[in-house]
Amino acid sequence: MALRTGLDYTAAMKYLVILFLLFIIYSLGAAAYFMLKDNGNSERMVRALTVRVALSVTLFLLLMAGIHFGFITGKL
């Protein structure tokens, strides 16, 4: 019986991608809420959209690094 040592990087990457996508969707929903509540003139909406863009760019870079370093192979 072989013992598994270390992390299963593919599973960890799957959960990390899902977590990022949930945060991106939450930020988009928050921006929509602030847009409707503040009649479109909101610093909070701009901040929420900025967070969404930053999370999206970070997720893209994370995926590219995962592919480069071999943490992501084939389908994620």
PDB file of N, CA and C in Angstrom:
ATOM      1  N   MET A   1       0.840  -1.165   0.000  1.00  0.00           N
ATOM      2  CA  MET A   1       0.000   0.000   0.000  1.00  0.00           C
ATOM      3  C   MET A   1       0.896   1.242   0.000  1.00  0.00           C
ATOM      4  N   ALA A   2       0.739   2.040  -1.015  1.00  0.00           N
ATOM      5  CA  ALA A   2       1.576   3.235  -1.148  1.00  0.00           C
ATOM      6  C   ALA A   2       0.908   4.410  -0.446  1.00  0.00           C
ATOM      7  N   LEU A   3       1.699   5.155   0.258  1.00  0.00           N
ATOM      8  CA  LEU A   3       1.206   6.362   0.920  1.00  0.00           C
ATOM      9  C   LEU A   3       1.396   7.553  -0.004  1.00  0.00           C
ATOM     10  N   ARG A   4       0.382   8.389  -0.057  1.00  0.00           N
ATOM     11  CA  ARG A   4       0.498   9.604  -0.868  1.00  0.00           C
ATOM     12  C   ARG A   4       1.143  10.674  -0.021  1.00  0.00           C
ATOM     13  N   THR A   5       2.202  11.217  -0.532  1.00  0.00           N
ATOM     14  CA  THR A   5       2.864  12.315   0.170  1.00  0.00           C
ATOM     15  C   THR A   5       2.772  13.562  -0.683  1.00  0.00           C
ATOM     16  N   GLY A   6       2.773  14.673  -0.045  1.00  0.00           N
ATOM     17  CA  GLY A   6       2.712  15.941  -0.766  1.00  0.00           C
ATOM     18  C   GLY A   6       1.285  16.284  -1.169  1.00  0.00           C
ATOM     19  N   LEU A   7       1.175  17.346  -1.938  1.00  0.00           N
ATOM     20  CA  LEU A   7      -0.123  17.824  -2.376  1.00  0.00           C
ATOM     21  C   LEU A   7      -0.460  17.297  -3.758  1.00  0.00           C
ATOM     22  N   ASP A   8      -1.730  17.128  -3.996  1.00  0.00           N
ATOM     23  CA  ASP A   8      -2.196  16.837  -5.343  1.00  0.00           C
ATOM     24  C   ASP A   8      -2.431  18.194  -6.008  1.00  0.00           C
ATOM     25  N   TYR A   9      -1.448  18.631  -6.785  1.00  0.00           N
ATOM     26  CA  TYR A   9      -1.483  19.988  -7.330  1.00  0.00           C
ATOM     27  C   TYR A   9      -2.643  20.206  -8.292  1.00  0.00           C
ATOM     28  N   THR A  10      -3.027  19.172  -9.035  1.00  0.00           N
ATOM     29  CA  THR A  10      -4.131  19.332  -9.978  1.00  0.00           C
ATOM     30  C   THR A  10      -5.432  19.615  -9.235  1.00  0.00           C
ATOM     31  N   ALA A  11      -5.697  18.888  -8.175  1.00  0.00           N
ATOM     32  CA  ALA A  11      -6.907  19.126  -7.384  1.00  0.00           C
ATOM     33  C   ALA A  11      -6.848  20.492  -6.711  1.00  0.00           C
ATOM     34  N   ALA A  12      -5.683  20.860  -6.205  1.00  0.00           N
ATOM     35  CA  ALA A  12      -5.537  22.168  -5.563  1.00  0.00           C
ATOM     36  C   ALA A  12      -5.798  23.290  -6.571  1.00  0.00           C
ATOM     37  N   MET A  13      -5.300  23.132  -7.790  1.00  0.00           N
ATOM     38  CA  MET A  13      -5.521  24.156  -8.820  1.00  0.00           C
ATOM     39  C   MET A  13      -6.999  24.250  -9.179  1.00  0.00           C
ATOM     40  N   LYS A  14      -7.698  23.107  -9.233  1.00  0.00           N
ATOM     41  CA  LYS A  14      -9.132  23.127  -9.534  1.00  0.00           C
ATOM     42  C   LYS A  14      -9.878  23.950  -8.486  1.00  0.00           C
ATOM     43  N   TYR A  15      -9.595  23.680  -7.211  1.00  0.00           N
ATOM     44  CA  TYR A  15     -10.285  24.404  -6.152  1.00  0.00           C
ATOM     45  C   TYR A  15      -9.912  25.880  -6.141  1.00  0.00           C
ATOM     46  N   LEU A  16      -8.676  26.189  -6.464  1.00  0.00           N
ATOM     47  CA  LEU A  16      -8.240  27.577  -6.505  1.00  0.00           C
ATOM     48  C   LEU A  16      -8.932  28.335  -7.641  1.00  0.00           C
ATOM     49  N   VAL A  17      -9.056  27.701  -8.803  1.00  0.00           N
ATOM     50  CA  VAL A  17      -9.741  28.327  -9.939  1.00  0.00           C
ATOM     51  C   VAL A  17     -11.210  28.550  -9.606  1.00  0.00           C
ATOM     52  N   ILE A  18     -11.853  27.557  -9.006  1.00  0.00           N
ATOM     53  CA  ILE A  18     -13.262  27.701  -8.629  1.00  0.00           C
ATOM     54  C   ILE A  18     -13.430  28.825  -7.613  1.00  0.00           C
ATOM     55  N   LEU A  19     -12.530  28.897  -6.656  1.00  0.00           N
ATOM     56  CA  LEU A  19     -12.584  29.955  -5.648  1.00  0.00           C
ATOM     57  C   LEU A  19     -12.440  31.334  -6.292  1.00  0.00           C
ATOM     58  N   PHE A  20     -11.485  31.469  -7.213  1.00  0.00           N
ATOM     59  CA  PHE A  20     -11.312  32.743  -7.911  1.00  0.00           C
ATOM     60  C   PHE A  20     -12.561  33.101  -8.709  1.00  0.00           C
ATOM     61  N   LEU A  21     -13.150  32.125  -9.402  1.00  0.00           N
ATOM     62  CA  LEU A  21     -14.347  32.405 -10.191  1.00  0.00           C
ATOM     63  C   LEU A  21     -15.512  32.845  -9.303  1.00  0.00           C
ATOM     64  N   LEU A  22     -15.648  32.239  -8.137  1.00  0.00           N
ATOM     65  CA  LEU A  22     -16.706  32.652  -7.207  1.00  0.00           C
ATOM     66  C   LEU A  22     -16.491  34.084  -6.726  1.00  0.00           C
ATOM     67  N   PHE A  23     -15.242  34.436  -6.416  1.00  0.00           N
ATOM     68  CA  PHE A  23     -14.954  35.810  -6.002  1.00  0.00           C
ATOM     69  C   PHE A  23     -15.204  36.799  -7.137  1.00  0.00           C
ATOM     70  N   ILE A  24     -14.875  36.414  -8.367  1.00  0.00           N
ATOM     71  CA  ILE A  24     -15.114  37.286  -9.526  1.00  0.00           C
ATOM     72  C   ILE A  24     -16.609  37.518  -9.715  1.00  0.00           C
ATOM     73  N   ILE A  25     -17.399  36.453  -9.613  1.00  0.00           N
ATOM     74  CA  ILE A  25     -18.855  36.586  -9.759  1.00  0.00           C
ATOM     75  C   ILE A  25     -19.432  37.437  -8.631  1.00  0.00           C
ATOM     76  N   TYR A  26     -18.939  37.224  -7.401  1.00  0.00           N
ATOM     77  CA  TYR A  26     -19.402  38.034  -6.268  1.00  0.00           C
ATOM     78  C   TYR A  26     -19.091  39.516  -6.497  1.00  0.00           C
ATOM     79  N   SER A  27     -17.899  39.813  -6.967  1.00  0.00           N
ATOM     80  CA  SER A  27     -17.514  41.202  -7.198  1.00  0.00           C
ATOM     81  C   SER A  27     -18.369  41.833  -8.299  1.00  0.00           C
ATOM     82  N   LEU A  28     -18.674  41.059  -9.326  1.00  0.00           N
ATOM     83  CA  LEU A  28     -19.532  41.567 -10.396  1.00  0.00           C
ATOM     84  C   LEU A  28     -20.938  41.834  -9.872  1.00  0.00           C
ATOM     85  N   GLY A  29     -21.450  40.945  -9.034  1.00  0.00           N
ATOM     86  CA  GLY A  29     -22.765  41.154  -8.430  1.00  0.00           C
ATOM     87  C   GLY A  29     -22.777  42.367  -7.520  1.00  0.00           C
ATOM     88  N   ALA A  30     -21.706  42.553  -6.751  1.00  0.00           N
ATOM     89  CA  ALA A  30     -21.616  43.718  -5.875  1.00  0.00           C
ATOM     90  C   ALA A  30     -21.610  45.003  -6.701  1.00  0.00           C
ATOM     91  N   ALA A  31     -20.902  44.998  -7.821  1.00  0.00           N
ATOM     92  CA  ALA A  31     -20.872  46.186  -8.683  1.00  0.00           C
ATOM     93  C   ALA A  31     -22.260  46.477  -9.249  1.00  0.00           C
ATOM     94  N   ALA A  32     -22.979  45.440  -9.631  1.00  0.00           N
ATOM     95  CA  ALA A  32     -24.336  45.639 -10.155  1.00  0.00           C
ATOM     96  C   ALA A  32     -25.255  46.192  -9.068  1.00  0.00           C
ATOM     97  N   TYR A  33     -25.111  45.664  -7.862  1.00  0.00           N
ATOM     98  CA  TYR A  33     -25.917  46.158  -6.740  1.00  0.00           C
ATOM     99  C   TYR A  33     -25.627  47.630  -6.458  1.00  0.00           C
ATOM    100  N   PHE A  34     -24.344  47.988  -6.417  1.00  0.00           N
ATOM    101  CA  PHE A  34     -23.980  49.380  -6.145  1.00  0.00           C
ATOM    102  C   PHE A  34     -24.443  50.298  -7.268  1.00  0.00           C
ATOM    103  N   MET A  35     -24.402  49.798  -8.509  1.00  0.00           N
ATOM    104  CA  MET A  35     -24.857  50.616  -9.632  1.00  0.00           C
ATOM    105  C   MET A  35     -26.348  50.927  -9.489  1.00  0.00           C
ATOM    106  N   LEU A  36     -27.128  49.923  -9.111  1.00  0.00           N
ATOM    107  CA  LEU A  36     -28.569  50.135  -8.975  1.00  0.00           C
ATOM    108  C   LEU A  36     -28.902  50.959  -7.736  1.00  0.00           C
ATOM    109  N   LYS A  37     -28.221  50.710  -6.641  1.00  0.00           N
ATOM    110  CA  LYS A  37     -28.521  51.405  -5.380  1.00  0.00           C
ATOM    111  C   LYS A  37     -28.066  52.864  -5.421  1.00  0.00           C
ATOM    112  N   ASP A  38     -26.924  53.135  -6.059  1.00  0.00           N
ATOM    113  CA  ASP A  38     -26.369  54.492  -6.071  1.00  0.00           C
ATOM    114  C   ASP A  38     -26.658  55.238  -7.370  1.00  0.00           C
ATOM    115  N   ASN A  39     -27.594  54.758  -8.154  1.00  0.00           N
ATOM    116  CA  ASN A  39     -28.003  55.385  -9.416  1.00  0.00           C
ATOM    117  C   ASN A  39     -26.855  55.569 -10.403  1.00  0.00           C
ATOM    118  N   GLY A  40     -25.900  54.676 -10.423  1.00  0.00           N
ATOM    119  CA  GLY A  40     -24.828  54.704 -11.407  1.00  0.00           C
ATOM    120  C   GLY A  40     -23.686  55.644 -11.083  1.00  0.00           C
ATOM    121  N   ASN A  41     -23.790  56.444 -10.036  1.00  0.00           N
ATOM    122  CA  ASN A  41     -22.733  57.382  -9.660  1.00  0.00           C
ATOM    123  C   ASN A  41     -22.078  56.914  -8.372  1.00  0.00           C
ATOM    124  N   SER A  42     -21.292  55.872  -8.476  1.00  0.00           N
ATOM    125  CA  SER A  42     -20.796  55.275  -7.244  1.00  0.00           C
ATOM    126  C   SER A  42     -19.311  54.956  -7.330  1.00  0.00           C
ATOM    127  N   GLU A  43     -18.598  55.393  -6.315  1.00  0.00           N
ATOM    128  CA  GLU A  43     -17.194  55.009  -6.181  1.00  0.00           C
ATOM    129  C   GLU A  43     -17.107  53.527  -5.804  1.00  0.00           C
ATOM    130  N   ARG A  44     -18.122  53.035  -5.080  1.00  0.00           N
ATOM    131  CA  ARG A  44     -18.125  51.624  -4.680  1.00  0.00           C
ATOM    132  C   ARG A  44     -18.249  50.715  -5.890  1.00  0.00           C
ATOM    133  N   MET A  45     -19.024  51.110  -6.901  1.00  0.00           N
ATOM    134  CA  MET A  45     -19.164  50.313  -8.113  1.00  0.00           C
ATOM    135  C   MET A  45     -17.834  50.239  -8.843  1.00  0.00           C
ATOM    136  N   VAL A  46     -17.156  51.362  -8.948  1.00  0.00           N
ATOM    137  CA  VAL A  46     -15.854  51.396  -9.630  1.00  0.00           C
ATOM    138  C   VAL A  46     -14.855  50.524  -8.888  1.00  0.00           C
ATOM    139  N   ARG A  47     -14.867  50.588  -7.573  1.00  0.00           N
ATOM    140  CA  ARG A  47     -13.950  49.771  -6.772  1.00  0.00           C
ATOM    141  C   ARG A  47     -14.238  48.279  -6.959  1.00  0.00           C
ATOM    142  N   ALA A  48     -15.524  47.897  -6.984  1.00  0.00           N
ATOM    143  CA  ALA A  48     -15.891  46.491  -7.169  1.00  0.00           C
ATOM    144  C   ALA A  48     -15.480  45.994  -8.549  1.00  0.00           C
ATOM    145  N   LEU A  49     -15.640  46.838  -9.562  1.00  0.00           N
ATOM    146  CA  LEU A  49     -15.219  46.439 -10.918  1.00  0.00           C
ATOM    147  C   LEU A  49     -13.697  46.368 -11.017  1.00  0.00           C
ATOM    148  N   THR A  50     -12.998  47.229 -10.303  1.00  0.00           N
ATOM    149  CA  THR A  50     -11.537  47.175 -10.278  1.00  0.00           C
ATOM    150  C   THR A  50     -11.061  45.878  -9.628  1.00  0.00           C
ATOM    151  N   VAL A  51     -11.721  45.489  -8.551  1.00  0.00           N
ATOM    152  CA  VAL A  51     -11.381  44.228  -7.890  1.00  0.00           C
ATOM    153  C   VAL A  51     -11.641  43.060  -8.834  1.00  0.00           C
ATOM    154  N   ARG A  52     -12.750  43.105  -9.569  1.00  0.00           N
ATOM    155  CA  ARG A  52     -13.076  42.026 -10.518  1.00  0.00           C
ATOM    156  C   ARG A  52     -12.013  41.900 -11.587  1.00  0.00           C
ATOM    157  N   VAL A  53     -11.575  43.022 -12.145  1.00  0.00           N
ATOM    158  CA  VAL A  53     -10.549  42.991 -13.182  1.00  0.00           C
ATOM    159  C   VAL A  53      -9.230  42.478 -12.606  1.00  0.00           C
ATOM    160  N   ALA A  54      -8.882  42.924 -11.401  1.00  0.00           N
ATOM    161  CA  ALA A  54      -7.645  42.454 -10.774  1.00  0.00           C
ATOM    162  C   ALA A  54      -7.695  40.947 -10.515  1.00  0.00           C
ATOM    163  N   LEU A  55      -8.833  40.450 -10.052  1.00  0.00           N
ATOM    164  CA  LEU A  55      -8.975  39.007  -9.828  1.00  0.00           C
ATOM    165  C   LEU A  55      -8.894  38.230 -11.135  1.00  0.00           C
ATOM    166  N   SER A  56      -9.488  38.774 -12.191  1.00  0.00           N
ATOM    167  CA  SER A  56      -9.448  38.096 -13.490  1.00  0.00           C
ATOM    168  C   SER A  56      -8.025  38.020 -14.035  1.00  0.00           C
ATOM    169  N   VAL A  57      -7.288  39.110 -13.923  1.00  0.00           N
ATOM    170  CA  VAL A  57      -5.898  39.117 -14.390  1.00  0.00           C
ATOM    171  C   VAL A  57      -5.053  38.167 -13.545  1.00  0.00           C
ATOM    172  N   THR A  58      -5.273  38.171 -12.239  1.00  0.00           N
ATOM    173  CA  THR A  58      -4.532  37.270 -11.353  1.00  0.00           C
ATOM    174  C   THR A  58      -4.836  35.815 -11.684  1.00  0.00           C
ATOM    175  N   LEU A  59      -6.103  35.503 -11.945  1.00  0.00           N
ATOM    176  CA  LEU A  59      -6.470  34.140 -12.320  1.00  0.00           C
ATOM    177  C   LEU A  59      -5.799  33.738 -13.630  1.00  0.00           C
ATOM    178  N   PHE A  60      -5.788  34.629 -14.604  1.00  0.00           N
ATOM    179  CA  PHE A  60      -5.136  34.342 -15.880  1.00  0.00           C
ATOM    180  C   PHE A  60      -3.652  34.064 -15.675  1.00  0.00           C
ATOM    181  N   LEU A  61      -2.984  34.900 -14.898  1.00  0.00           N
ATOM    182  CA  LEU A  61      -1.554  34.695 -14.644  1.00  0.00           C
ATOM    183  C   LEU A  61      -1.305  33.405 -13.863  1.00  0.00           C
ATOM    184  N   LEU A  62      -2.183  33.097 -12.932  1.00  0.00           N
ATOM    185  CA  LEU A  62      -2.074  31.856 -12.169  1.00  0.00           C
ATOM    186  C   LEU A  62      -2.222  30.637 -13.080  1.00  0.00           C
ATOM    187  N   LEU A  63      -3.164  30.688 -13.994  1.00  0.00           N
ATOM    188  CA  LEU A  63      -3.338  29.583 -14.946  1.00  0.00           C
ATOM    189  C   LEU A  63      -2.124  29.435 -15.857  1.00  0.00           C
ATOM    190  N   MET A  64      -1.594  30.552 -16.328  1.00  0.00           N
ATOM    191  CA  MET A  64      -0.409  30.483 -17.185  1.00  0.00           C
ATOM    192  C   MET A  64       0.795  29.924 -16.424  1.00  0.00           C
ATOM    193  N   ALA A  65       0.968  30.340 -15.175  1.00  0.00           N
ATOM    194  CA  ALA A  65       2.065  29.813 -14.358  1.00  0.00           C
ATOM    195  C   ALA A  65       1.853  28.334 -14.067  1.00  0.00           C
ATOM    196  N   GLY A  66       0.618  27.932 -13.803  1.00  0.00           N
ATOM    197  CA  GLY A  66       0.328  26.519 -13.556  1.00  0.00           C
ATOM    198  C   GLY A  66       0.637  25.645 -14.748  1.00  0.00           C
ATOM    199  N   ILE A  67       0.330  26.136 -15.935  1.00  0.00           N
ATOM    200  CA  ILE A  67       0.654  25.381 -17.157  1.00  0.00           C
ATOM    201  C   ILE A  67       2.160  25.344 -17.357  1.00  0.00           C
ATOM    202  N   HIS A  68       2.820  26.456 -17.151  1.00  0.00           N
ATOM    203  CA  HIS A  68       4.269  26.538 -17.358  1.00  0.00           C
ATOM    204  C   HIS A  68       5.036  25.602 -16.417  1.00  0.00           C
ATOM    205  N   PHE A  69       4.630  25.569 -15.148  1.00  0.00           N
ATOM    206  CA  PHE A  69       5.350  24.767 -14.160  1.00  0.00           C
ATOM    207  C   PHE A  69       4.827  23.336 -14.049  1.00  0.00           C
ATOM    208  N   GLY A  70       3.840  22.980 -14.858  1.00  0.00           N
ATOM    209  CA  GLY A  70       3.363  21.606 -14.906  1.00  0.00           C
ATOM    210  C   GLY A  70       2.320  21.248 -13.869  1.00  0.00           C
ATOM    211  N   PHE A  71       1.775  22.235 -13.157  1.00  0.00           N
ATOM    212  CA  PHE A  71       0.725  21.942 -12.191  1.00  0.00           C
ATOM    213  C   PHE A  71      -0.588  21.635 -12.890  1.00  0.00           C
ATOM    214  N   ILE A  72      -0.746  22.161 -14.092  1.00  0.00           N
ATOM    215  CA  ILE A  72      -1.955  21.925 -14.880  1.00  0.00           C
ATOM    216  C   ILE A  72      -1.534  21.138 -16.113  1.00  0.00           C
ATOM    217  N   THR A  73      -2.105  19.956 -16.222  1.00  0.00           N
ATOM    218  CA  THR A  73      -1.831  19.127 -17.399  1.00  0.00           C
ATOM    219  C   THR A  73      -3.164  18.725 -18.005  1.00  0.00           C
ATOM    220  N   GLY A  74      -3.325  18.943 -19.271  1.00  0.00           N
ATOM    221  CA  GLY A  74      -4.572  18.578 -19.939  1.00  0.00           C
ATOM    222  C   GLY A  74      -5.724  19.419 -19.451  1.00  0.00           C
ATOM    223  N   LYS A  75      -6.831  18.756 -19.172  1.00  0.00           N
ATOM    224  CA  LYS A  75      -8.031  19.462 -18.701  1.00  0.00           C
ATOM    225  C   LYS A  75      -7.901  19.807 -17.232  1.00  0.00           C
ATOM    226  N   LEU A  76      -8.463  20.938 -16.879  1.00  0.00           N
ATOM    227  CA  LEU A  76      -8.435  21.352 -15.463  1.00  0.00           C
ATOM    228  C   LEU A  76      -9.664  20.895 -14.769  1.00  0.00           C
TER     229      LEU A  76
END
